[in-house]
Amino acid sequence: MARGYWLINSNRSEVRRFTENRASEDQFNKYVFVDYGKIVGVFGKEAPLLQRREEFKLEEAREIWEKLISQGWRRTEEVWSK
């Protein structure tokens, strides 16, 4: 799987994982999966609950990333195990 980039919200209740969709057949655009997770239990003890996955063009995914950063989200380490 492609390397993931992670964000966590300020109250540590949600995470987002951004990963490149390498299986995309579109030769002209790159696509990124954004996985949405809700933290259950104690952060770091259990993996977050995967709620949904959406696919965006690379430019849209960058805009989402920047918007989340401006709202106080921070980068974090991997929270779903491989």
PDB file of N, CA and C in Angstrom:
ATOM      1  N   MET A   1       0.841  -1.189   0.000  1.00  0.00           N
ATOM      2  CA  MET A   1       0.000   0.000   0.000  1.00  0.00           C
ATOM      3  C   MET A   1       0.878   1.242   0.000  1.00  0.00           C
ATOM      4  N   ALA A   2       0.397   2.281  -0.583  1.00  0.00           N
ATOM      5  CA  ALA A   2       1.117   3.543  -0.642  1.00  0.00           C
ATOM      6  C   ALA A   2       1.245   4.143   0.747  1.00  0.00           C
ATOM      7  N   ARG A   3       2.240   4.960   0.897  1.00  0.00           N
ATOM      8  CA  ARG A   3       2.460   5.648   2.167  1.00  0.00           C
ATOM      9  C   ARG A   3       1.270   6.552   2.464  1.00  0.00           C
ATOM     10  N   GLY A   4       0.838   6.565   3.712  1.00  0.00           N
ATOM     11  CA  GLY A   4      -0.283   7.396   4.120  1.00  0.00           C
ATOM     12  C   GLY A   4       0.176   8.635   4.857  1.00  0.00           C
ATOM     13  N   TYR A   5      -0.573   9.685   4.720  1.00  0.00           N
ATOM     14  CA  TYR A   5      -0.330  10.927   5.452  1.00  0.00           C
ATOM     15  C   TYR A   5      -1.523  11.139   6.367  1.00  0.00           C
ATOM     16  N   TRP A   6      -1.255  11.436   7.610  1.00  0.00           N
ATOM     17  CA  TRP A   6      -2.268  11.413   8.660  1.00  0.00           C
ATOM     18  C   TRP A   6      -2.497  12.771   9.292  1.00  0.00           C
ATOM     19  N   LEU A   7      -3.759  13.040   9.598  1.00  0.00           N
ATOM     20  CA  LEU A   7      -4.138  14.222  10.368  1.00  0.00           C
ATOM     21  C   LEU A   7      -5.056  13.778  11.508  1.00  0.00           C
ATOM     22  N   ILE A   8      -4.980  14.514  12.626  1.00  0.00           N
ATOM     23  CA  ILE A   8      -5.863  14.268  13.757  1.00  0.00           C
ATOM     24  C   ILE A   8      -6.435  15.605  14.199  1.00  0.00           C
ATOM     25  N   ASN A   9      -7.705  15.615  14.614  1.00  0.00           N
ATOM     26  CA  ASN A   9      -8.308  16.881  15.014  1.00  0.00           C
ATOM     27  C   ASN A   9      -7.848  17.281  16.416  1.00  0.00           C
ATOM     28  N   SER A  10      -8.132  18.519  16.803  1.00  0.00           N
ATOM     29  CA  SER A  10      -7.595  19.077  18.045  1.00  0.00           C
ATOM     30  C   SER A  10      -8.114  18.380  19.302  1.00  0.00           C
ATOM     31  N   ASN A  11      -9.327  17.845  19.280  1.00  0.00           N
ATOM     32  CA  ASN A  11      -9.818  17.158  20.476  1.00  0.00           C
ATOM     33  C   ASN A  11      -9.595  15.647  20.401  1.00  0.00           C
ATOM     34  N   ARG A  12      -8.793  15.203  19.406  1.00  0.00           N
ATOM     35  CA  ARG A  12      -8.352  13.814  19.269  1.00  0.00           C
ATOM     36  C   ARG A  12      -9.509  12.815  19.192  1.00  0.00           C
ATOM     37  N   SER A  13     -10.540  13.188  18.432  1.00  0.00           N
ATOM     38  CA  SER A  13     -11.683  12.297  18.276  1.00  0.00           C
ATOM     39  C   SER A  13     -11.823  11.760  16.849  1.00  0.00           C
ATOM     40  N   GLU A  14     -11.107  12.366  15.901  1.00  0.00           N
ATOM     41  CA  GLU A  14     -11.197  11.951  14.497  1.00  0.00           C
ATOM     42  C   GLU A  14      -9.820  11.981  13.849  1.00  0.00           C
ATOM     43  N   VAL A  15      -9.641  11.106  12.865  1.00  0.00           N
ATOM     44  CA  VAL A  15      -8.418  11.095  12.066  1.00  0.00           C
ATOM     45  C   VAL A  15      -8.785  11.039  10.590  1.00  0.00           C
ATOM     46  N   ARG A  16      -7.839  11.465   9.762  1.00  0.00           N
ATOM     47  CA  ARG A  16      -7.970  11.349   8.316  1.00  0.00           C
ATOM     48  C   ARG A  16      -6.659  10.755   7.798  1.00  0.00           C
ATOM     49  N   ARG A  17      -6.784   9.842   6.841  1.00  0.00           N
ATOM     50  CA  ARG A  17      -5.610   9.276   6.186  1.00  0.00           C
ATOM     51  C   ARG A  17      -5.709   9.593   4.702  1.00  0.00           C
ATOM     52  N   PHE A  18      -4.656  10.151   4.147  1.00  0.00           N
ATOM     53  CA  PHE A  18      -4.577  10.489   2.735  1.00  0.00           C
ATOM     54  C   PHE A  18      -3.575   9.538   2.084  1.00  0.00           C
ATOM     55  N   THR A  19      -4.029   8.751   1.097  1.00  0.00           N
ATOM     56  CA  THR A  19      -3.146   7.834   0.383  1.00  0.00           C
ATOM     57  C   THR A  19      -3.412   7.920  -1.110  1.00  0.00           C
ATOM     58  N   GLU A  20      -2.348   7.789  -1.876  1.00  0.00           N
ATOM     59  CA  GLU A  20      -2.470   7.831  -3.330  1.00  0.00           C
ATOM     60  C   GLU A  20      -3.173   6.572  -3.821  1.00  0.00           C
ATOM     61  N   ASN A  21      -4.074   6.731  -4.783  1.00  0.00           N
ATOM     62  CA  ASN A  21      -4.730   5.591  -5.410  1.00  0.00           C
ATOM     63  C   ASN A  21      -3.865   5.170  -6.593  1.00  0.00           C
ATOM     64  N   ARG A  22      -3.041   4.185  -6.379  1.00  0.00           N
ATOM     65  CA  ARG A  22      -2.129   3.728  -7.441  1.00  0.00           C
ATOM     66  C   ARG A  22      -2.822   2.847  -8.460  1.00  0.00           C
ATOM     67  N   ALA A  23      -4.014   2.388  -8.150  1.00  0.00           N
ATOM     68  CA  ALA A  23      -4.740   1.506  -9.071  1.00  0.00           C
ATOM     69  C   ALA A  23      -5.604   2.274 -10.066  1.00  0.00           C
ATOM     70  N   SER A  24      -5.612   3.592  -9.965  1.00  0.00           N
ATOM     71  CA  SER A  24      -6.426   4.397 -10.868  1.00  0.00           C
ATOM     72  C   SER A  24      -5.957   4.214 -12.307  1.00  0.00           C
ATOM     73  N   GLU A  25      -6.912   4.071 -13.205  1.00  0.00           N
ATOM     74  CA  GLU A  25      -6.583   3.879 -14.622  1.00  0.00           C
ATOM     75  C   GLU A  25      -6.541   5.195 -15.388  1.00  0.00           C
ATOM     76  N   ASP A  26      -6.844   6.288 -14.718  1.00  0.00           N
ATOM     77  CA  ASP A  26      -6.792   7.608 -15.356  1.00  0.00           C
ATOM     78  C   ASP A  26      -5.329   8.002 -15.533  1.00  0.00           C
ATOM     79  N   GLN A  27      -4.899   8.153 -16.768  1.00  0.00           N
ATOM     80  CA  GLN A  27      -3.503   8.467 -17.052  1.00  0.00           C
ATOM     81  C   GLN A  27      -3.182   9.950 -16.911  1.00  0.00           C
ATOM     82  N   PHE A  28      -4.195  10.786 -16.822  1.00  0.00           N
ATOM     83  CA  PHE A  28      -3.976  12.220 -16.830  1.00  0.00           C
ATOM     84  C   PHE A  28      -4.143  12.879 -15.463  1.00  0.00           C
ATOM     85  N   ASN A  29      -4.814  12.205 -14.548  1.00  0.00           N
ATOM     86  CA  ASN A  29      -5.044  12.765 -13.218  1.00  0.00           C
ATOM     87  C   ASN A  29      -4.630  11.759 -12.157  1.00  0.00           C
ATOM     88  N   LYS A  30      -4.070  12.278 -11.058  1.00  0.00           N
ATOM     89  CA  LYS A  30      -3.767  11.436  -9.909  1.00  0.00           C
ATOM     90  C   LYS A  30      -4.923  11.563  -8.937  1.00  0.00           C
ATOM     91  N   TYR A  31      -5.217  10.465  -8.265  1.00  0.00           N
ATOM     92  CA  TYR A  31      -6.309  10.438  -7.302  1.00  0.00           C
ATOM     93  C   TYR A  31      -5.795  10.029  -5.933  1.00  0.00           C
ATOM     94  N   VAL A  32      -6.466  10.539  -4.907  1.00  0.00           N
ATOM     95  CA  VAL A  32      -6.091  10.277  -3.515  1.00  0.00           C
ATOM     96  C   VAL A  32      -7.315   9.771  -2.775  1.00  0.00           C
ATOM     97  N   PHE A  33      -7.116   8.709  -1.975  1.00  0.00           N
ATOM     98  CA  PHE A  33      -8.164   8.251  -1.074  1.00  0.00           C
ATOM     99  C   PHE A  33      -8.057   9.044   0.218  1.00  0.00           C
ATOM    100  N   VAL A  34      -9.194   9.451   0.752  1.00  0.00           N
ATOM    101  CA  VAL A  34      -9.232  10.057   2.080  1.00  0.00           C
ATOM    102  C   VAL A  34     -10.103   9.141   2.936  1.00  0.00           C
ATOM    103  N   ASP A  35      -9.463   8.534   3.944  1.00  0.00           N
ATOM    104  CA  ASP A  35     -10.172   7.654   4.870  1.00  0.00           C
ATOM    105  C   ASP A  35     -10.533   8.458   6.108  1.00  0.00           C
ATOM    106  N   TYR A  36     -11.771   8.301   6.554  1.00  0.00           N
ATOM    107  CA  TYR A  36     -12.284   9.019   7.714  1.00  0.00           C
ATOM    108  C   TYR A  36     -12.410   8.027   8.863  1.00  0.00           C
ATOM    109  N   GLY A  37     -11.822   8.353  10.001  1.00  0.00           N
ATOM    110  CA  GLY A  37     -11.896   7.458  11.143  1.00  0.00           C
ATOM    111  C   GLY A  37     -12.309   8.177  12.406  1.00  0.00           C
ATOM    112  N   LYS A  38     -13.026   7.455  13.254  1.00  0.00           N
ATOM    113  CA  LYS A  38     -13.454   7.989  14.539  1.00  0.00           C
ATOM    114  C   LYS A  38     -12.702   7.233  15.627  1.00  0.00           C
ATOM    115  N   ILE A  39     -12.108   7.968  16.540  1.00  0.00           N
ATOM    116  CA  ILE A  39     -11.347   7.344  17.607  1.00  0.00           C
ATOM    117  C   ILE A  39     -12.307   6.825  18.664  1.00  0.00           C
ATOM    118  N   VAL A  40     -12.156   5.549  18.977  1.00  0.00           N
ATOM    119  CA  VAL A  40     -12.961   4.907  20.012  1.00  0.00           C
ATOM    120  C   VAL A  40     -12.015   4.439  21.103  1.00  0.00           C
ATOM    121  N   GLY A  41     -12.414   4.581  22.337  1.00  0.00           N
ATOM    122  CA  GLY A  41     -11.539   4.181  23.432  1.00  0.00           C
ATOM    123  C   GLY A  41     -10.408   5.174  23.615  1.00  0.00           C
ATOM    124  N   VAL A  42      -9.259   4.671  24.056  1.00  0.00           N
ATOM    125  CA  VAL A  42      -8.092   5.508  24.320  1.00  0.00           C
ATOM    126  C   VAL A  42      -7.244   5.585  23.062  1.00  0.00           C
ATOM    127  N   PHE A  43      -6.910   6.814  22.641  1.00  0.00           N
ATOM    128  CA  PHE A  43      -6.115   7.003  21.434  1.00  0.00           C
ATOM    129  C   PHE A  43      -4.784   6.279  21.572  1.00  0.00           C
ATOM    130  N   GLY A  44      -4.438   5.488  20.573  1.00  0.00           N
ATOM    131  CA  GLY A  44      -3.190   4.753  20.581  1.00  0.00           C
ATOM    132  C   GLY A  44      -3.327   3.330  21.089  1.00  0.00           C
ATOM    133  N   LYS A  45      -4.344   3.051  21.850  1.00  0.00           N
ATOM    134  CA  LYS A  45      -4.559   1.687  22.360  1.00  0.00           C
ATOM    135  C   LYS A  45      -5.347   0.848  21.359  1.00  0.00           C
ATOM    136  N   GLU A  46      -6.300   1.463  20.678  1.00  0.00           N
ATOM    137  CA  GLU A  46      -7.118   0.772  19.695  1.00  0.00           C
ATOM    138  C   GLU A  46      -7.095   1.558  18.388  1.00  0.00           C
ATOM    139  N   ALA A  47      -7.208   0.834  17.297  1.00  0.00           N
ATOM    140  CA  ALA A  47      -7.279   1.507  15.995  1.00  0.00           C
ATOM    141  C   ALA A  47      -8.607   2.244  15.887  1.00  0.00           C
ATOM    142  N   PRO A  48      -8.616   3.393  15.217  1.00  0.00           N
ATOM    143  CA  PRO A  48      -9.878   4.109  15.011  1.00  0.00           C
ATOM    144  C   PRO A  48     -10.851   3.288  14.182  1.00  0.00           C
ATOM    145  N   LEU A  49     -12.099   3.602  14.322  1.00  0.00           N
ATOM    146  CA  LEU A  49     -13.150   2.954  13.547  1.00  0.00           C
ATOM    147  C   LEU A  49     -13.220   3.626  12.182  1.00  0.00           C
ATOM    148  N   LEU A  50     -12.965   2.869  11.129  1.00  0.00           N
ATOM    149  CA  LEU A  50     -13.030   3.409   9.766  1.00  0.00           C
ATOM    150  C   LEU A  50     -14.488   3.648   9.420  1.00  0.00           C
ATOM    151  N   GLN A  51     -14.823   4.913   9.143  1.00  0.00           N
ATOM    152  CA  GLN A  51     -16.202   5.268   8.864  1.00  0.00           C
ATOM    153  C   GLN A  51     -16.512   5.262   7.372  1.00  0.00           C
ATOM    154  N   ARG A  52     -15.588   5.815   6.583  1.00  0.00           N
ATOM    155  CA  ARG A  52     -15.835   5.843   5.142  1.00  0.00           C
ATOM    156  C   ARG A  52     -14.542   6.196   4.409  1.00  0.00           C
ATOM    157  N   ARG A  53     -14.580   5.996   3.098  1.00  0.00           N
ATOM    158  CA  ARG A  53     -13.454   6.335   2.229  1.00  0.00           C
ATOM    159  C   ARG A  53     -14.008   7.073   1.026  1.00  0.00           C
ATOM    160  N   GLU A  54     -13.345   8.170   0.674  1.00  0.00           N
ATOM    161  CA  GLU A  54     -13.718   8.928  -0.511  1.00  0.00           C
ATOM    162  C   GLU A  54     -12.491   9.099  -1.386  1.00  0.00           C
ATOM    163  N   GLU A  55     -12.722   9.274  -2.674  1.00  0.00           N
ATOM    164  CA  GLU A  55     -11.634   9.467  -3.614  1.00  0.00           C
ATOM    165  C   GLU A  55     -11.738  10.861  -4.219  1.00  0.00           C
ATOM    166  N   PHE A  56     -10.605  11.564  -4.263  1.00  0.00           N
ATOM    167  CA  PHE A  56     -10.558  12.921  -4.796  1.00  0.00           C
ATOM    168  C   PHE A  56      -9.391  13.049  -5.755  1.00  0.00           C
ATOM    169  N   LYS A  57      -9.512  13.979  -6.696  1.00  0.00           N
ATOM    170  CA  LYS A  57      -8.356  14.339  -7.502  1.00  0.00           C
ATOM    171  C   LYS A  57      -7.314  14.943  -6.567  1.00  0.00           C
ATOM    172  N   LEU A  58      -6.061  14.839  -6.954  1.00  0.00           N
ATOM    173  CA  LEU A  58      -4.955  15.296  -6.119  1.00  0.00           C
ATOM    174  C   LEU A  58      -5.140  16.741  -5.666  1.00  0.00           C
ATOM    175  N   GLU A  59      -5.552  17.611  -6.575  1.00  0.00           N
ATOM    176  CA  GLU A  59      -5.716  19.029  -6.226  1.00  0.00           C
ATOM    177  C   GLU A  59      -6.796  19.219  -5.167  1.00  0.00           C
ATOM    178  N   GLU A  60      -7.894  18.484  -5.281  1.00  0.00           N
ATOM    179  CA  GLU A  60      -8.968  18.575  -4.287  1.00  0.00           C
ATOM    180  C   GLU A  60      -8.495  18.069  -2.930  1.00  0.00           C
ATOM    181  N   ALA A  61      -7.731  16.972  -2.938  1.00  0.00           N
ATOM    182  CA  ALA A  61      -7.223  16.412  -1.687  1.00  0.00           C
ATOM    183  C   ALA A  61      -6.292  17.408  -0.998  1.00  0.00           C
ATOM    184  N   ARG A  62      -5.485  18.115  -1.770  1.00  0.00           N
ATOM    185  CA  ARG A  62      -4.596  19.133  -1.185  1.00  0.00           C
ATOM    186  C   ARG A  62      -5.404  20.256  -0.548  1.00  0.00           C
ATOM    187  N   GLU A  63      -6.480  20.657  -1.200  1.00  0.00           N
ATOM    188  CA  GLU A  63      -7.341  21.700  -0.635  1.00  0.00           C
ATOM    189  C   GLU A  63      -7.979  21.241   0.677  1.00  0.00           C
ATOM    190  N   ILE A  64      -8.426  19.985   0.718  1.00  0.00           N
ATOM    191  CA  ILE A  64      -9.011  19.434   1.944  1.00  0.00           C
ATOM    192  C   ILE A  64      -7.965  19.425   3.053  1.00  0.00           C
ATOM    193  N   TRP A  65      -6.746  18.982   2.738  1.00  0.00           N
ATOM    194  CA  TRP A  65      -5.654  18.948   3.712  1.00  0.00           C
ATOM    195  C   TRP A  65      -5.412  20.350   4.281  1.00  0.00           C
ATOM    196  N   GLU A  66      -5.267  21.325   3.402  1.00  0.00           N
ATOM    197  CA  GLU A  66      -4.991  22.693   3.835  1.00  0.00           C
ATOM    198  C   GLU A  66      -6.130  23.259   4.675  1.00  0.00           C
ATOM    199  N   LYS A  67      -7.369  22.951   4.309  1.00  0.00           N
ATOM    200  CA  LYS A  67      -8.524  23.409   5.072  1.00  0.00           C
ATOM    201  C   LYS A  67      -8.506  22.815   6.482  1.00  0.00           C
ATOM    202  N   LEU A  68      -8.222  21.519   6.578  1.00  0.00           N
ATOM    203  CA  LEU A  68      -8.165  20.873   7.892  1.00  0.00           C
ATOM    204  C   LEU A  68      -7.050  21.459   8.750  1.00  0.00           C
ATOM    205  N   ILE A  69      -5.885  21.701   8.159  1.00  0.00           N
ATOM    206  CA  ILE A  69      -4.772  22.319   8.899  1.00  0.00           C
ATOM    207  C   ILE A  69      -5.190  23.693   9.424  1.00  0.00           C
ATOM    208  N   SER A  70      -5.889  24.463   8.601  1.00  0.00           N
ATOM    209  CA  SER A  70      -6.317  25.805   9.033  1.00  0.00           C
ATOM    210  C   SER A  70      -7.364  25.733  10.144  1.00  0.00           C
ATOM    211  N   GLN A  71      -8.037  24.585  10.270  1.00  0.00           N
ATOM    212  CA  GLN A  71      -9.046  24.404  11.317  1.00  0.00           C
ATOM    213  C   GLN A  71      -8.453  23.801  12.595  1.00  0.00           C
ATOM    214  N   GLY A  72      -7.133  23.626  12.635  1.00  0.00           N
ATOM    215  CA  GLY A  72      -6.489  23.141  13.844  1.00  0.00           C
ATOM    216  C   GLY A  72      -6.100  21.672  13.837  1.00  0.00           C
ATOM    217  N   TRP A  73      -6.317  20.975  12.730  1.00  0.00           N
ATOM    218  CA  TRP A  73      -5.883  19.586  12.640  1.00  0.00           C
ATOM    219  C   TRP A  73      -4.358  19.569  12.581  1.00  0.00           C
ATOM    220  N   ARG A  74      -3.745  18.478  13.094  1.00  0.00           N
ATOM    221  CA  ARG A  74      -2.287  18.349  13.105  1.00  0.00           C
ATOM    222  C   ARG A  74      -1.878  17.021  12.475  1.00  0.00           C
ATOM    223  N   ARG A  75      -0.646  16.988  11.978  1.00  0.00           N
ATOM    224  CA  ARG A  75      -0.103  15.722  11.463  1.00  0.00           C
ATOM    225  C   ARG A  75       0.106  14.777  12.633  1.00  0.00           C
ATOM    226  N   THR A  76      -0.049  13.490  12.374  1.00  0.00           N
ATOM    227  CA  THR A  76       0.167  12.478  13.401  1.00  0.00           C
ATOM    228  C   THR A  76       0.767  11.238  12.753  1.00  0.00           C
ATOM    229  N   GLU A  77       1.184  10.319  13.593  1.00  0.00           N
ATOM    230  CA  GLU A  77       1.734   9.054  13.109  1.00  0.00           C
ATOM    231  C   GLU A  77       0.608   8.124  12.670  1.00  0.00           C
ATOM    232  N   GLU A  78       0.974   7.031  12.027  1.00  0.00           N
ATOM    233  CA  GLU A  78       0.016   6.047  11.560  1.00  0.00           C
ATOM    234  C   GLU A  78      -0.814   5.523  12.738  1.00  0.00           C
ATOM    235  N   VAL A  79      -2.120   5.447  12.532  1.00  0.00           N
ATOM    236  CA  VAL A  79      -2.996   4.943  13.597  1.00  0.00           C
ATOM    237  C   VAL A  79      -3.737   3.679  13.219  1.00  0.00           C
ATOM    238  N   TRP A  80      -3.811   3.334  11.928  1.00  0.00           N
ATOM    239  CA  TRP A  80      -4.329   2.045  11.508  1.00  0.00           C
ATOM    240  C   TRP A  80      -3.119   1.177  11.208  1.00  0.00           C
ATOM    241  N   SER A  81      -3.103  -0.003  11.778  1.00  0.00           N
ATOM    242  CA  SER A  81      -1.956  -0.872  11.539  1.00  0.00           C
ATOM    243  C   SER A  81      -1.966  -1.379  10.102  1.00  0.00           C
ATOM    244  N   LYS A  82      -0.806  -1.780   9.641  1.00  0.00           N
ATOM    245  CA  LYS A  82      -0.639  -2.262   8.268  1.00  0.00           C
ATOM    246  C   LYS A  82      -1.331  -3.587   8.067  1.00  0.00           C
TER     247      LYS A  82
END
